[in-house]
Each structure stands twice: as C-alpha cells, then as structure tokens.
N, C-alpha and C. Protein backbone atom coordinates (compact mmCIF):
# COMPACT_ATOMS: atom_id res chain seq x y z
N MET A 1 -22.30 189.13 92.91
CA MET A 1 -21.42 188.88 94.17
C MET A 1 -22.00 187.49 94.95
N PHE A 2 -21.14 186.56 95.07
CA PHE A 2 -21.55 185.33 95.68
C PHE A 2 -21.69 185.53 97.33
N THR A 3 -22.53 184.90 97.88
CA THR A 3 -22.88 184.95 99.30
C THR A 3 -21.87 184.27 100.01
N LYS A 4 -21.66 184.45 101.29
CA LYS A 4 -20.76 183.67 102.10
C LYS A 4 -21.17 182.34 102.23
N GLY A 5 -22.39 181.96 101.90
CA GLY A 5 -22.91 180.55 102.02
C GLY A 5 -22.38 179.89 100.83
N ASP A 6 -22.41 180.48 99.70
CA ASP A 6 -21.98 180.00 98.29
C ASP A 6 -20.30 179.77 98.49
N ILE A 7 -19.73 180.73 99.04
CA ILE A 7 -18.30 180.58 99.13
C ILE A 7 -17.89 179.44 100.05
N ARG A 8 -18.55 179.35 101.17
CA ARG A 8 -18.54 178.17 102.19
C ARG A 8 -18.57 176.81 101.50
N ALA A 9 -19.69 176.71 100.57
CA ALA A 9 -20.10 175.47 99.94
C ALA A 9 -19.12 175.02 99.03
N ALA A 10 -18.53 176.01 98.27
CA ALA A 10 -17.47 175.58 97.41
C ALA A 10 -16.05 175.30 98.10
N LEU A 11 -15.71 175.93 99.19
CA LEU A 11 -14.61 175.72 100.00
C LEU A 11 -14.64 174.25 100.61
N ALA A 12 -16.08 174.04 101.14
CA ALA A 12 -16.19 172.62 101.73
C ALA A 12 -15.93 171.49 100.75
N VAL A 13 -16.48 171.58 99.55
CA VAL A 13 -16.16 170.63 98.34
C VAL A 13 -14.56 170.40 98.19
N ALA A 14 -13.78 171.47 98.22
CA ALA A 14 -12.46 171.54 98.00
C ALA A 14 -11.74 170.72 99.30
N ILE A 15 -12.29 171.09 100.49
CA ILE A 15 -11.68 170.36 101.64
C ILE A 15 -12.11 168.98 101.71
N ASP A 16 -13.31 168.67 101.30
CA ASP A 16 -13.83 167.14 101.26
C ASP A 16 -13.01 166.52 100.24
N ILE A 17 -12.67 167.11 99.13
CA ILE A 17 -11.69 166.27 98.11
C ILE A 17 -10.22 165.97 98.61
N ASN A 18 -9.80 167.04 99.31
CA ASN A 18 -8.55 167.05 99.91
C ASN A 18 -8.38 166.25 101.00
N SER A 19 -9.36 165.88 101.75
CA SER A 19 -9.56 164.94 102.99
C SER A 19 -10.02 163.50 102.46
N ASP A 20 -10.37 163.14 101.44
CA ASP A 20 -10.75 161.79 101.14
C ASP A 20 -9.57 160.89 100.99
N ALA A 21 -9.89 159.83 100.63
CA ALA A 21 -8.83 158.69 100.54
C ALA A 21 -8.19 158.63 99.10
N SER A 22 -8.62 159.40 98.20
CA SER A 22 -8.04 159.44 96.87
C SER A 22 -6.78 160.20 96.81
N ASP A 23 -6.18 160.18 95.75
CA ASP A 23 -4.88 161.01 95.42
C ASP A 23 -5.19 162.38 95.14
N ARG A 24 -6.65 162.69 94.73
CA ARG A 24 -7.03 163.94 94.19
C ARG A 24 -6.52 165.10 95.08
N VAL A 25 -6.35 166.28 94.44
CA VAL A 25 -6.04 167.36 95.06
C VAL A 25 -6.97 168.37 94.55
N CYS A 26 -7.67 169.30 95.22
CA CYS A 26 -8.56 170.28 94.80
C CYS A 26 -7.94 171.74 95.38
N ASN A 27 -7.91 172.60 94.39
CA ASN A 27 -7.53 173.95 94.73
C ASN A 27 -8.69 174.94 94.69
N PHE A 28 -8.77 175.94 95.65
CA PHE A 28 -9.95 176.69 95.54
C PHE A 28 -9.30 178.15 95.47
N SER A 29 -9.99 179.05 94.85
CA SER A 29 -9.58 180.49 94.35
C SER A 29 -10.81 181.17 94.55
N LEU A 30 -10.70 182.36 95.23
CA LEU A 30 -11.69 183.43 95.08
C LEU A 30 -11.17 184.63 94.45
N THR A 31 -11.82 184.97 93.29
CA THR A 31 -11.30 186.14 92.68
C THR A 31 -12.11 187.46 92.97
N GLY A 32 -11.23 188.60 92.90
CA GLY A 32 -12.12 189.68 93.06
C GLY A 32 -12.62 189.84 94.44
N THR A 33 -13.63 190.55 94.59
CA THR A 33 -14.22 190.50 96.04
C THR A 33 -15.57 189.66 96.05
N SER A 34 -15.27 188.35 95.77
CA SER A 34 -16.35 187.45 95.82
C SER A 34 -17.28 187.34 94.46
N ASP A 35 -16.58 187.88 93.43
CA ASP A 35 -17.52 187.85 92.23
C ASP A 35 -17.05 186.73 91.22
N GLY A 36 -15.98 185.78 91.69
CA GLY A 36 -15.56 184.55 91.01
C GLY A 36 -15.08 183.55 91.99
N ILE A 37 -15.35 182.35 91.53
CA ILE A 37 -15.00 181.16 92.36
C ILE A 37 -14.36 180.23 91.36
N MET A 38 -13.09 179.69 91.63
CA MET A 38 -12.43 178.85 90.69
C MET A 38 -12.04 177.55 91.48
N LEU A 39 -12.30 176.46 90.97
CA LEU A 39 -11.92 175.22 91.67
C LEU A 39 -11.18 174.37 90.57
N SER A 40 -10.02 173.88 90.84
CA SER A 40 -9.19 172.97 90.00
C SER A 40 -8.92 171.71 90.75
N VAL A 41 -9.24 170.55 89.99
CA VAL A 41 -9.07 169.19 90.54
C VAL A 41 -8.01 168.43 89.87
N HIS A 42 -7.00 168.02 90.53
CA HIS A 42 -5.82 167.39 90.08
C HIS A 42 -5.87 165.93 90.30
N PRO A 43 -6.20 164.99 89.39
CA PRO A 43 -6.47 163.57 89.92
C PRO A 43 -5.28 162.78 90.51
N HIS A 44 -4.06 163.14 90.04
CA HIS A 44 -2.86 162.54 90.69
C HIS A 44 -2.30 163.25 91.68
N GLY A 45 -2.92 164.04 92.37
CA GLY A 45 -2.16 164.81 93.45
C GLY A 45 -1.28 165.95 92.98
N LYS A 46 -0.52 166.42 93.97
CA LYS A 46 0.29 167.53 93.63
C LYS A 46 1.78 167.16 93.23
N HIS A 47 1.92 165.70 93.16
CA HIS A 47 3.25 165.39 92.74
C HIS A 47 3.35 164.87 91.34
N TYR A 48 2.32 165.10 90.62
CA TYR A 48 2.31 164.60 89.17
C TYR A 48 1.97 165.91 88.22
N ASP A 49 1.90 165.53 86.89
CA ASP A 49 1.74 166.59 85.88
C ASP A 49 0.31 167.17 86.12
N TYR A 50 0.37 168.63 86.20
CA TYR A 50 -0.77 169.27 86.50
C TYR A 50 -1.56 169.37 85.01
N SER A 51 -1.10 168.84 83.91
CA SER A 51 -1.85 169.14 82.70
C SER A 51 -3.01 168.23 82.62
N ASP A 52 -3.14 167.15 83.43
CA ASP A 52 -4.55 166.38 83.64
C ASP A 52 -5.33 166.92 84.63
N ASN A 53 -5.98 168.08 84.35
CA ASN A 53 -6.81 168.82 85.41
C ASN A 53 -8.25 168.91 84.98
N TRP A 54 -9.02 169.31 85.88
CA TRP A 54 -10.57 169.80 85.74
C TRP A 54 -10.63 171.08 86.29
N ILE A 55 -11.12 172.06 85.69
CA ILE A 55 -11.07 173.38 85.95
C ILE A 55 -12.47 173.93 85.92
N TYR A 56 -13.21 174.33 87.04
CA TYR A 56 -14.50 175.05 87.15
C TYR A 56 -14.30 176.39 87.49
N MET A 57 -15.43 177.25 86.86
CA MET A 57 -15.48 178.68 87.18
C MET A 57 -16.95 178.94 87.42
N ALA A 58 -16.99 179.74 88.38
CA ALA A 58 -18.32 180.37 88.64
C ALA A 58 -18.04 181.80 88.86
N TYR A 59 -18.87 182.74 88.15
CA TYR A 59 -18.52 184.07 88.27
C TYR A 59 -19.85 184.94 88.01
N GLU A 60 -19.67 186.13 88.45
CA GLU A 60 -20.93 187.06 88.12
C GLU A 60 -20.29 188.26 87.54
N SER A 61 -21.01 188.76 86.28
CA SER A 61 -20.58 189.89 85.67
C SER A 61 -21.29 191.02 86.43
N ASP A 62 -20.77 192.17 85.96
CA ASP A 62 -21.33 193.48 86.46
C ASP A 62 -22.80 193.73 86.17
N ASP A 63 -23.28 193.07 85.18
CA ASP A 63 -24.78 193.27 85.12
C ASP A 63 -25.73 192.22 85.84
N GLY A 64 -24.99 191.54 86.71
CA GLY A 64 -25.79 190.54 87.48
C GLY A 64 -25.88 189.07 86.81
N TYR A 65 -25.25 188.80 85.68
CA TYR A 65 -25.36 187.48 84.92
C TYR A 65 -24.37 186.48 85.81
N LYS A 66 -24.86 185.41 86.03
CA LYS A 66 -24.04 184.35 86.73
C LYS A 66 -23.82 183.23 85.68
N SER A 67 -22.53 182.71 85.81
CA SER A 67 -22.17 181.57 84.95
C SER A 67 -21.57 180.49 85.79
N TYR A 68 -21.86 179.42 85.49
CA TYR A 68 -21.28 178.22 86.30
C TYR A 68 -20.83 177.21 85.20
N LYS A 69 -19.56 177.00 85.17
CA LYS A 69 -19.15 176.14 84.29
C LYS A 69 -17.82 175.21 84.31
N ARG A 70 -17.54 174.26 83.65
CA ARG A 70 -16.39 173.49 83.69
C ARG A 70 -15.76 173.85 82.36
N ASP A 71 -14.40 174.23 82.42
CA ASP A 71 -13.75 174.69 81.35
C ASP A 71 -12.74 173.61 80.81
N TYR A 72 -12.21 172.78 81.69
CA TYR A 72 -11.32 171.62 81.32
C TYR A 72 -11.76 170.47 82.00
N ARG A 73 -11.67 169.26 81.32
CA ARG A 73 -11.76 167.79 81.81
C ARG A 73 -10.64 167.01 81.33
N HIS A 74 -9.84 166.41 82.35
CA HIS A 74 -8.54 165.65 81.85
C HIS A 74 -7.70 166.54 81.00
N GLY A 75 -7.54 167.91 81.35
CA GLY A 75 -6.50 168.74 80.79
C GLY A 75 -7.17 169.27 79.30
N ILE A 76 -8.27 168.78 78.77
CA ILE A 76 -8.72 169.18 77.57
C ILE A 76 -9.93 169.96 77.56
N VAL A 77 -9.85 171.19 76.64
CA VAL A 77 -11.07 172.04 76.76
C VAL A 77 -12.17 171.17 76.67
N ASP A 78 -13.17 171.22 77.53
CA ASP A 78 -14.40 170.56 77.42
C ASP A 78 -15.50 171.42 78.29
N GLU A 79 -16.12 172.37 77.62
CA GLU A 79 -16.92 173.41 78.32
C GLU A 79 -18.26 172.82 78.53
N GLN A 80 -18.72 172.82 79.82
CA GLN A 80 -20.12 172.53 80.18
C GLN A 80 -20.71 173.43 81.07
N SER A 81 -21.78 173.92 80.85
CA SER A 81 -22.42 174.80 81.71
C SER A 81 -23.37 174.01 82.62
N PHE A 82 -23.49 174.77 83.87
CA PHE A 82 -24.45 174.26 84.96
C PHE A 82 -25.60 175.24 85.17
N PRO A 83 -26.67 174.79 85.66
CA PRO A 83 -27.77 175.93 85.81
C PRO A 83 -27.61 176.62 87.12
N SER A 84 -26.81 176.00 88.14
CA SER A 84 -26.73 176.57 89.36
C SER A 84 -25.34 176.20 90.04
N LEU A 85 -24.82 176.99 91.09
CA LEU A 85 -23.55 176.71 91.78
C LEU A 85 -23.77 175.06 92.26
N LYS A 86 -24.86 174.84 92.89
CA LYS A 86 -25.03 173.59 93.52
C LYS A 86 -24.91 172.34 92.55
N GLU A 87 -25.39 172.65 91.20
CA GLU A 87 -25.07 171.56 90.19
C GLU A 87 -23.65 171.48 89.93
N MET A 88 -22.98 172.58 89.68
CA MET A 88 -21.57 172.65 89.51
C MET A 88 -20.70 171.94 90.48
N LEU A 89 -21.01 172.22 91.77
CA LEU A 89 -20.34 171.57 92.81
C LEU A 89 -20.50 170.01 92.91
N LYS A 90 -21.73 169.59 92.47
CA LYS A 90 -22.01 168.28 92.50
C LYS A 90 -21.09 167.61 91.32
N ASP A 91 -20.82 168.30 90.28
CA ASP A 91 -19.83 167.84 89.28
C ASP A 91 -18.33 167.82 89.81
N VAL A 92 -18.05 168.80 90.51
CA VAL A 92 -16.72 168.91 91.17
C VAL A 92 -16.46 167.80 91.95
N LYS A 93 -17.31 167.22 92.87
CA LYS A 93 -17.34 166.25 93.66
C LYS A 93 -16.94 164.93 93.05
N GLY A 94 -17.48 164.70 91.87
CA GLY A 94 -17.27 163.58 91.02
C GLY A 94 -15.91 163.52 90.17
N ALA A 95 -15.33 164.70 90.12
CA ALA A 95 -14.35 165.00 89.12
C ALA A 95 -13.06 164.01 89.38
N ALA A 96 -12.50 163.50 88.42
CA ALA A 96 -11.41 162.63 88.51
C ALA A 96 -11.49 161.47 89.44
N VAL A 97 -12.48 160.90 89.51
CA VAL A 97 -12.58 159.62 90.48
C VAL A 97 -12.57 158.42 89.48
C-alpha cells in the first residue's frame, strides 16, 4: 500500500504537467485502495490521438513486492523499471517534452 505522501507526490506531478506551458496532458489514476498508481502522459493534449502516450504504473502486490515501471513510450511498448517511486516520477516529469 502506498502512503498518502506517495500518492500526493504522484498527483503533484500530474498537476504540474497539466499546468505547465506545454500541450501535454497527464492523467492520474489510483487503483484499488492505494495499491496501484497509474500516470499517463499525452504529448499533444486531449484533442489529439491518444495512441502517442506514455504510461507509467506503480503497484504493490499482496506479498509486499513493489514495482515502478514505464510500460509505453510514444504509444509503443517500451518497458523500463525504476528503483523507486521518486525515480519513476522524475521520468514522468520529462515525458513527452
């Protein structure tokens, strides 16, 4: 289970992307009861094709294993794992710029 601080940090990244001067749009989703965080970044905003997206997932399994990874980059499967939520969020901030 992610802490409230982890959830706030992920949501803050989404809000920062949505309020910057770029066309990017970031969607934030919390799955389950805070055992999964999904962020998707769309480089051309909400008025364009959503197939060119970047999708990030952070989740915790029942046995306590935590995973932080990027599943898609430019709409193409491009899996990359990160050692921590902080490192994943750093990559999200730079997505699609």
